[in-house]
Amino acid sequence: KDKPSAKAVIVGGGTQDEIRKLTTQIKNANLQENLILSGYLSEKNLIRTLKSSKIFLFTDYEAGWGLAIAEAMAAGLPTVGYNLEVFGNVFKKGFITVPVGNKKEFAQKILYLLNNSKEYSRLKNETFQESKKLSWQETSSNSAK
C-alpha cells in the first residue's frame, strides 16, 4: 500500500504445489505487478538481479551460514531479515533484524530503509565493508574457532 510501485523478485524454487499456492496467493492479493517469481537463476542472472535491487529480504526462519546473504552483501545490498544467529555471528554489519515471524515489523523495516536515504546509505556502506571480509579462507578459519 505504501509503495505501490515497489517490486520484489522471489528467487528459488519449490514443489509444483508450493509454486501454484504462492501464485494463487499473489493473484488473490492483486500483487502480480509487484511480486515476480523468477525460479532458479543462473549465476549471471542472479548477479544481475542482485545488482539491480535496492534491499535484500532474507525471510528464512532458520539458517546456518547464509550464503544468500553473503551474495547480497557482495552486491552491496543492505539486508532485512529475522533475528537469527547468522546476524551478529557471521555477519556483523549491514543489516536490520526483527523478531522471527513478525511480518508487520519486517514490512516496517523495509519501508524505513526505502524512506530514509541516510540510514540506507549507512547500511549500504556497512554492507560493502562487511562483504570485503567474506572469503572462503576467512570464513573457514572463523568457523573452525
N, C-alpha and C. Protein backbone atom coordinates (compact mmCIF):
# COMPACT_ATOMS: atom_id res chain seq x y z
N LYS A 1 0.82 -1.20 0.00
CA LYS A 1 0.00 0.00 0.00
C LYS A 1 0.86 1.26 0.00
N ASP A 2 1.90 1.27 0.82
CA ASP A 2 2.72 2.46 0.98
C ASP A 2 3.68 2.70 -0.19
N LYS A 3 4.04 1.67 -0.90
CA LYS A 3 4.95 1.77 -2.05
C LYS A 3 4.38 0.97 -3.22
N PRO A 4 3.31 1.46 -3.85
CA PRO A 4 2.64 0.67 -4.89
C PRO A 4 3.51 0.36 -6.10
N SER A 5 4.59 1.10 -6.31
CA SER A 5 5.44 0.81 -7.47
C SER A 5 6.60 -0.13 -7.11
N ALA A 6 6.72 -0.50 -5.83
CA ALA A 6 7.80 -1.38 -5.41
C ALA A 6 7.62 -2.77 -6.00
N LYS A 7 8.74 -3.39 -6.28
CA LYS A 7 8.74 -4.75 -6.82
C LYS A 7 9.69 -5.61 -6.01
N ALA A 8 9.36 -6.88 -5.91
CA ALA A 8 10.22 -7.86 -5.24
C ALA A 8 10.35 -9.07 -6.15
N VAL A 9 11.57 -9.57 -6.24
CA VAL A 9 11.83 -10.77 -7.01
C VAL A 9 12.04 -11.91 -6.02
N ILE A 10 11.29 -12.98 -6.19
CA ILE A 10 11.42 -14.16 -5.34
C ILE A 10 12.25 -15.17 -6.12
N VAL A 11 13.47 -15.41 -5.62
CA VAL A 11 14.42 -16.28 -6.31
C VAL A 11 14.39 -17.66 -5.66
N GLY A 12 14.41 -18.68 -6.47
CA GLY A 12 14.46 -20.05 -5.96
C GLY A 12 13.26 -20.84 -6.43
N GLY A 13 13.25 -22.07 -6.03
CA GLY A 13 12.19 -22.96 -6.49
C GLY A 13 11.39 -23.55 -5.36
N GLY A 14 10.68 -24.54 -5.70
CA GLY A 14 9.83 -25.25 -4.75
C GLY A 14 9.08 -26.32 -5.52
N THR A 15 8.25 -27.04 -4.82
CA THR A 15 7.44 -28.04 -5.49
C THR A 15 6.39 -27.34 -6.36
N GLN A 16 5.84 -28.07 -7.30
CA GLN A 16 4.79 -27.50 -8.15
C GLN A 16 3.62 -27.02 -7.29
N ASP A 17 3.32 -27.78 -6.25
CA ASP A 17 2.23 -27.42 -5.33
C ASP A 17 2.52 -26.09 -4.63
N GLU A 18 3.74 -25.93 -4.13
CA GLU A 18 4.12 -24.69 -3.45
C GLU A 18 4.07 -23.50 -4.40
N ILE A 19 4.56 -23.69 -5.61
CA ILE A 19 4.58 -22.61 -6.59
C ILE A 19 3.15 -22.23 -6.98
N ARG A 20 2.31 -23.23 -7.18
CA ARG A 20 0.90 -22.97 -7.51
C ARG A 20 0.21 -22.21 -6.38
N LYS A 21 0.46 -22.62 -5.14
CA LYS A 21 -0.14 -21.96 -3.97
C LYS A 21 0.34 -20.51 -3.87
N LEU A 22 1.63 -20.30 -4.05
CA LEU A 22 2.19 -18.94 -3.98
C LEU A 22 1.64 -18.07 -5.10
N THR A 23 1.55 -18.61 -6.29
CA THR A 23 1.00 -17.86 -7.43
C THR A 23 -0.44 -17.46 -7.14
N THR A 24 -1.22 -18.36 -6.58
CA THR A 24 -2.62 -18.06 -6.22
C THR A 24 -2.68 -16.95 -5.17
N GLN A 25 -1.83 -17.03 -4.16
CA GLN A 25 -1.80 -16.00 -3.11
C GLN A 25 -1.44 -14.63 -3.69
N ILE A 26 -0.49 -14.61 -4.60
CA ILE A 26 -0.08 -13.35 -5.24
C ILE A 26 -1.25 -12.77 -6.04
N LYS A 27 -1.94 -13.63 -6.80
CA LYS A 27 -3.08 -13.15 -7.59
C LYS A 27 -4.21 -12.67 -6.69
N ASN A 28 -4.50 -13.41 -5.62
CA ASN A 28 -5.57 -13.03 -4.70
C ASN A 28 -5.29 -11.70 -4.01
N ALA A 29 -4.01 -11.40 -3.81
CA ALA A 29 -3.63 -10.13 -3.19
C ALA A 29 -3.45 -9.02 -4.23
N ASN A 30 -3.68 -9.38 -5.49
CA ASN A 30 -3.52 -8.43 -6.61
C ASN A 30 -2.12 -7.83 -6.65
N LEU A 31 -1.12 -8.69 -6.51
CA LEU A 31 0.28 -8.24 -6.48
C LEU A 31 1.10 -8.78 -7.66
N GLN A 32 0.41 -9.17 -8.74
CA GLN A 32 1.12 -9.73 -9.89
C GLN A 32 2.15 -8.77 -10.48
N GLU A 33 1.90 -7.47 -10.36
CA GLU A 33 2.84 -6.48 -10.90
C GLU A 33 3.99 -6.19 -9.93
N ASN A 34 3.85 -6.64 -8.69
CA ASN A 34 4.84 -6.31 -7.66
C ASN A 34 5.72 -7.48 -7.25
N LEU A 35 5.21 -8.69 -7.31
CA LEU A 35 5.98 -9.87 -6.91
C LEU A 35 6.27 -10.73 -8.13
N ILE A 36 7.54 -10.93 -8.38
CA ILE A 36 7.99 -11.68 -9.56
C ILE A 36 8.61 -12.99 -9.09
N LEU A 37 8.04 -14.10 -9.53
CA LEU A 37 8.61 -15.42 -9.23
C LEU A 37 9.62 -15.75 -10.32
N SER A 38 10.90 -15.69 -9.99
CA SER A 38 11.91 -15.92 -11.01
C SER A 38 12.30 -17.38 -11.13
N GLY A 39 12.05 -18.17 -10.08
CA GLY A 39 12.53 -19.54 -10.08
C GLY A 39 14.04 -19.54 -9.93
N TYR A 40 14.67 -20.62 -10.36
CA TYR A 40 16.12 -20.72 -10.30
C TYR A 40 16.73 -19.73 -11.28
N LEU A 41 17.81 -19.06 -10.87
CA LEU A 41 18.53 -18.15 -11.76
C LEU A 41 19.96 -18.62 -11.93
N SER A 42 20.47 -18.51 -13.14
CA SER A 42 21.88 -18.80 -13.36
C SER A 42 22.70 -17.79 -12.56
N GLU A 43 23.96 -18.08 -12.36
CA GLU A 43 24.82 -17.17 -11.59
C GLU A 43 24.83 -15.77 -12.20
N LYS A 44 24.92 -15.72 -13.51
CA LYS A 44 24.94 -14.43 -14.22
C LYS A 44 23.64 -13.65 -13.98
N ASN A 45 22.51 -14.31 -14.10
CA ASN A 45 21.22 -13.64 -13.89
C ASN A 45 20.98 -13.30 -12.42
N LEU A 46 21.49 -14.13 -11.52
CA LEU A 46 21.37 -13.83 -10.10
C LEU A 46 22.15 -12.56 -9.77
N ILE A 47 23.36 -12.47 -10.26
CA ILE A 47 24.19 -11.27 -10.02
C ILE A 47 23.51 -10.05 -10.61
N ARG A 48 22.99 -10.17 -11.82
CA ARG A 48 22.30 -9.05 -12.47
C ARG A 48 21.08 -8.62 -11.63
N THR A 49 20.33 -9.59 -11.14
CA THR A 49 19.15 -9.29 -10.33
C THR A 49 19.54 -8.62 -9.01
N LEU A 50 20.56 -9.14 -8.35
CA LEU A 50 21.01 -8.54 -7.10
C LEU A 50 21.50 -7.11 -7.33
N LYS A 51 22.29 -6.91 -8.36
CA LYS A 51 22.85 -5.58 -8.60
C LYS A 51 21.79 -4.56 -9.01
N SER A 52 20.66 -5.01 -9.51
CA SER A 52 19.59 -4.09 -9.88
C SER A 52 18.59 -3.88 -8.73
N SER A 53 18.87 -4.50 -7.59
CA SER A 53 17.98 -4.41 -6.44
C SER A 53 18.48 -3.36 -5.46
N LYS A 54 17.62 -3.01 -4.52
CA LYS A 54 17.99 -2.00 -3.52
C LYS A 54 18.19 -2.62 -2.14
N ILE A 55 17.38 -3.61 -1.80
CA ILE A 55 17.43 -4.26 -0.48
C ILE A 55 17.31 -5.76 -0.69
N PHE A 56 17.97 -6.52 0.18
CA PHE A 56 17.82 -7.97 0.17
C PHE A 56 16.94 -8.37 1.34
N LEU A 57 15.90 -9.13 1.06
CA LEU A 57 14.98 -9.59 2.10
C LEU A 57 15.27 -11.06 2.38
N PHE A 58 15.78 -11.33 3.56
CA PHE A 58 16.11 -12.69 3.95
C PHE A 58 15.00 -13.19 4.87
N THR A 59 14.06 -13.92 4.29
CA THR A 59 12.85 -14.31 5.01
C THR A 59 12.93 -15.70 5.65
N ASP A 60 14.10 -16.29 5.62
CA ASP A 60 14.30 -17.61 6.22
C ASP A 60 14.07 -17.54 7.73
N TYR A 61 13.46 -18.57 8.27
CA TYR A 61 13.21 -18.64 9.72
C TYR A 61 14.34 -19.35 10.46
N GLU A 62 15.14 -20.12 9.74
CA GLU A 62 16.24 -20.85 10.36
C GLU A 62 17.32 -21.08 9.31
N ALA A 63 18.43 -20.40 9.50
CA ALA A 63 19.50 -20.51 8.51
C ALA A 63 20.82 -20.76 9.23
N GLY A 64 21.69 -21.44 8.53
CA GLY A 64 23.03 -21.66 9.05
C GLY A 64 23.92 -20.50 8.69
N TRP A 65 24.84 -20.73 7.80
CA TRP A 65 25.83 -19.72 7.45
C TRP A 65 25.24 -18.57 6.66
N GLY A 66 24.38 -18.80 5.70
CA GLY A 66 23.74 -17.73 4.97
C GLY A 66 24.44 -17.30 3.69
N LEU A 67 24.66 -18.24 2.77
CA LEU A 67 25.31 -17.93 1.51
C LEU A 67 24.55 -16.84 0.74
N ALA A 68 23.23 -16.90 0.76
CA ALA A 68 22.44 -15.89 0.03
C ALA A 68 22.71 -14.50 0.58
N ILE A 69 22.88 -14.38 1.89
CA ILE A 69 23.18 -13.08 2.49
C ILE A 69 24.55 -12.60 2.00
N ALA A 70 25.52 -13.48 1.97
CA ALA A 70 26.86 -13.12 1.50
C ALA A 70 26.82 -12.65 0.05
N GLU A 71 26.04 -13.33 -0.78
CA GLU A 71 25.91 -12.92 -2.18
C GLU A 71 25.27 -11.53 -2.28
N ALA A 72 24.26 -11.29 -1.47
CA ALA A 72 23.59 -9.99 -1.47
C ALA A 72 24.54 -8.90 -1.00
N MET A 73 25.31 -9.17 0.04
CA MET A 73 26.26 -8.19 0.54
C MET A 73 27.34 -7.89 -0.49
N ALA A 74 27.78 -8.92 -1.19
CA ALA A 74 28.78 -8.72 -2.23
C ALA A 74 28.25 -7.81 -3.33
N ALA A 75 26.92 -7.79 -3.50
CA ALA A 75 26.29 -6.91 -4.49
C ALA A 75 25.95 -5.54 -3.88
N GLY A 76 26.30 -5.34 -2.60
CA GLY A 76 26.08 -4.06 -1.94
C GLY A 76 24.68 -3.84 -1.42
N LEU A 77 23.97 -4.92 -1.12
CA LEU A 77 22.59 -4.78 -0.67
C LEU A 77 22.46 -4.89 0.84
N PRO A 78 21.95 -3.84 1.50
CA PRO A 78 21.59 -3.98 2.90
C PRO A 78 20.51 -5.07 3.02
N THR A 79 20.52 -5.77 4.13
CA THR A 79 19.61 -6.89 4.32
C THR A 79 18.63 -6.62 5.46
N VAL A 80 17.39 -7.02 5.24
CA VAL A 80 16.39 -7.06 6.30
C VAL A 80 16.09 -8.55 6.49
N GLY A 81 16.19 -9.01 7.73
CA GLY A 81 15.96 -10.42 7.99
C GLY A 81 15.46 -10.65 9.40
N TYR A 82 15.09 -11.89 9.66
CA TYR A 82 14.66 -12.26 11.00
C TYR A 82 15.89 -12.43 11.89
N ASN A 83 15.72 -12.22 13.17
CA ASN A 83 16.82 -12.25 14.13
C ASN A 83 17.33 -13.68 14.33
N LEU A 84 18.24 -14.09 13.47
CA LEU A 84 18.86 -15.42 13.53
C LEU A 84 20.31 -15.27 13.93
N GLU A 85 20.92 -16.36 14.39
CA GLU A 85 22.32 -16.31 14.84
C GLU A 85 23.29 -15.83 13.77
N VAL A 86 22.96 -16.06 12.51
CA VAL A 86 23.85 -15.66 11.43
C VAL A 86 24.08 -14.14 11.45
N PHE A 87 23.09 -13.38 11.92
CA PHE A 87 23.23 -11.93 12.04
C PHE A 87 23.86 -11.62 13.39
N GLY A 88 25.04 -11.04 13.35
CA GLY A 88 25.77 -10.75 14.57
C GLY A 88 26.84 -11.78 14.85
N ASN A 89 26.67 -12.98 14.29
CA ASN A 89 27.66 -14.03 14.47
C ASN A 89 28.56 -14.10 13.23
N VAL A 90 27.98 -14.44 12.10
CA VAL A 90 28.73 -14.48 10.84
C VAL A 90 28.82 -13.08 10.24
N PHE A 91 27.69 -12.41 10.14
CA PHE A 91 27.62 -11.07 9.56
C PHE A 91 27.47 -10.07 10.70
N LYS A 92 28.37 -9.10 10.76
CA LYS A 92 28.41 -8.18 11.89
C LYS A 92 27.69 -6.87 11.61
N LYS A 93 27.61 -6.45 10.35
CA LYS A 93 27.03 -5.15 9.99
C LYS A 93 26.31 -5.26 8.65
N GLY A 94 25.55 -4.19 8.33
CA GLY A 94 24.92 -4.11 7.02
C GLY A 94 23.52 -4.70 6.96
N PHE A 95 22.89 -4.86 8.11
CA PHE A 95 21.58 -5.49 8.13
C PHE A 95 20.72 -4.90 9.25
N ILE A 96 19.43 -5.16 9.15
CA ILE A 96 18.45 -4.86 10.20
C ILE A 96 17.70 -6.16 10.44
N THR A 97 17.51 -6.51 11.71
CA THR A 97 16.75 -7.72 12.02
C THR A 97 15.49 -7.39 12.82
N VAL A 98 14.55 -8.30 12.75
CA VAL A 98 13.29 -8.20 13.51
C VAL A 98 13.03 -9.58 14.13
N PRO A 99 12.18 -9.64 15.15
CA PRO A 99 11.87 -10.94 15.76
C PRO A 99 11.31 -11.93 14.72
N VAL A 100 11.72 -13.18 14.85
CA VAL A 100 11.29 -14.22 13.92
C VAL A 100 9.76 -14.26 13.86
N GLY A 101 9.25 -14.21 12.63
CA GLY A 101 7.81 -14.31 12.39
C GLY A 101 7.05 -13.00 12.45
N ASN A 102 7.70 -11.91 12.85
CA ASN A 102 7.00 -10.63 12.97
C ASN A 102 6.96 -9.94 11.60
N LYS A 103 5.97 -10.32 10.80
CA LYS A 103 5.87 -9.83 9.43
C LYS A 103 5.56 -8.34 9.37
N LYS A 104 4.79 -7.85 10.32
CA LYS A 104 4.45 -6.42 10.34
C LYS A 104 5.71 -5.58 10.55
N GLU A 105 6.52 -5.95 11.53
CA GLU A 105 7.76 -5.20 11.77
C GLU A 105 8.73 -5.37 10.61
N PHE A 106 8.74 -6.54 9.99
CA PHE A 106 9.58 -6.79 8.82
C PHE A 106 9.24 -5.76 7.74
N ALA A 107 7.94 -5.63 7.46
CA ALA A 107 7.47 -4.67 6.45
C ALA A 107 7.83 -3.25 6.85
N GLN A 108 7.70 -2.92 8.12
CA GLN A 108 8.03 -1.57 8.59
C GLN A 108 9.51 -1.25 8.39
N LYS A 109 10.37 -2.23 8.61
CA LYS A 109 11.82 -2.01 8.41
C LYS A 109 12.15 -1.82 6.94
N ILE A 110 11.46 -2.53 6.07
CA ILE A 110 11.67 -2.34 4.63
C ILE A 110 11.30 -0.90 4.26
N LEU A 111 10.14 -0.46 4.69
CA LEU A 111 9.70 0.92 4.41
C LEU A 111 10.65 1.94 5.02
N TYR A 112 11.12 1.64 6.23
CA TYR A 112 12.08 2.53 6.89
C TYR A 112 13.31 2.74 6.01
N LEU A 113 13.86 1.66 5.48
CA LEU A 113 15.04 1.78 4.62
C LEU A 113 14.74 2.49 3.31
N LEU A 114 13.60 2.18 2.72
CA LEU A 114 13.24 2.81 1.46
C LEU A 114 12.96 4.31 1.61
N ASN A 115 12.53 4.73 2.79
CA ASN A 115 12.16 6.12 3.02
C ASN A 115 13.23 6.96 3.71
N ASN A 116 14.33 6.34 4.15
CA ASN A 116 15.37 7.05 4.88
C ASN A 116 16.72 6.87 4.19
N SER A 117 17.01 7.79 3.29
CA SER A 117 18.22 7.65 2.48
C SER A 117 19.50 7.68 3.33
N LYS A 118 19.50 8.43 4.42
CA LYS A 118 20.69 8.49 5.27
C LYS A 118 20.97 7.12 5.91
N GLU A 119 19.93 6.50 6.48
CA GLU A 119 20.09 5.17 7.09
C GLU A 119 20.41 4.12 6.03
N TYR A 120 19.76 4.24 4.87
CA TYR A 120 20.04 3.31 3.78
C TYR A 120 21.51 3.40 3.37
N SER A 121 22.01 4.62 3.20
CA SER A 121 23.42 4.82 2.81
C SER A 121 24.37 4.28 3.86
N ARG A 122 24.04 4.49 5.13
CA ARG A 122 24.89 3.97 6.22
C ARG A 122 24.97 2.45 6.15
N LEU A 123 23.81 1.79 6.01
CA LEU A 123 23.80 0.33 5.94
C LEU A 123 24.48 -0.18 4.67
N LYS A 124 24.28 0.50 3.57
CA LYS A 124 24.92 0.10 2.31
C LYS A 124 26.44 0.15 2.45
N ASN A 125 26.94 1.20 3.09
CA ASN A 125 28.38 1.33 3.32
C ASN A 125 28.88 0.20 4.22
N GLU A 126 28.12 -0.09 5.29
CA GLU A 126 28.49 -1.21 6.17
C GLU A 126 28.50 -2.53 5.40
N THR A 127 27.54 -2.69 4.50
CA THR A 127 27.46 -3.90 3.69
C THR A 127 28.71 -4.08 2.85
N PHE A 128 29.16 -3.00 2.21
CA PHE A 128 30.38 -3.08 1.41
C PHE A 128 31.57 -3.46 2.29
N GLN A 129 31.68 -2.84 3.46
CA GLN A 129 32.79 -3.16 4.37
C GLN A 129 32.72 -4.61 4.83
N GLU A 130 31.53 -5.07 5.16
CA GLU A 130 31.34 -6.45 5.61
C GLU A 130 31.67 -7.44 4.50
N SER A 131 31.26 -7.14 3.29
CA SER A 131 31.49 -8.08 2.18
C SER A 131 32.97 -8.25 1.88
N LYS A 132 33.77 -7.25 2.18
CA LYS A 132 35.22 -7.35 1.96
C LYS A 132 35.85 -8.40 2.86
N LYS A 133 35.19 -8.71 3.98
CA LYS A 133 35.70 -9.70 4.93
C LYS A 133 35.33 -11.12 4.52
N LEU A 134 34.46 -11.25 3.53
CA LEU A 134 33.95 -12.57 3.15
C LEU A 134 34.85 -13.22 2.11
N SER A 135 35.47 -14.30 2.51
CA SER A 135 36.26 -15.12 1.60
C SER A 135 36.20 -16.54 2.13
N TRP A 136 36.48 -17.50 1.27
CA TRP A 136 36.46 -18.89 1.72
C TRP A 136 37.48 -19.09 2.84
N GLN A 137 38.68 -18.49 2.68
CA GLN A 137 39.72 -18.66 3.68
C GLN A 137 39.29 -18.05 5.02
N GLU A 138 38.80 -16.82 4.99
CA GLU A 138 38.39 -16.13 6.21
C GLU A 138 37.22 -16.85 6.88
N THR A 139 36.24 -17.25 6.09
CA THR A 139 35.06 -17.91 6.63
C THR A 139 35.41 -19.25 7.25
N SER A 140 36.23 -20.04 6.57
CA SER A 140 36.56 -21.36 7.11
C SER A 140 37.42 -21.24 8.36
N SER A 141 38.30 -20.25 8.44
CA SER A 141 39.10 -20.10 9.65
C SER A 141 38.24 -19.61 10.81
N ASN A 142 37.23 -18.75 10.54
CA ASN A 142 36.33 -18.28 11.60
C ASN A 142 35.42 -19.39 12.09
N SER A 143 34.95 -20.23 11.19
CA SER A 143 34.02 -21.29 11.61
C SER A 143 34.76 -22.40 12.35
N ALA A 144 36.06 -22.49 12.21
CA ALA A 144 36.83 -23.52 12.90
C ALA A 144 37.09 -23.13 14.35
N LYS A 145 36.88 -21.87 14.69
CA LYS A 145 37.16 -21.40 16.06
C LYS A 145 36.10 -21.83 17.03
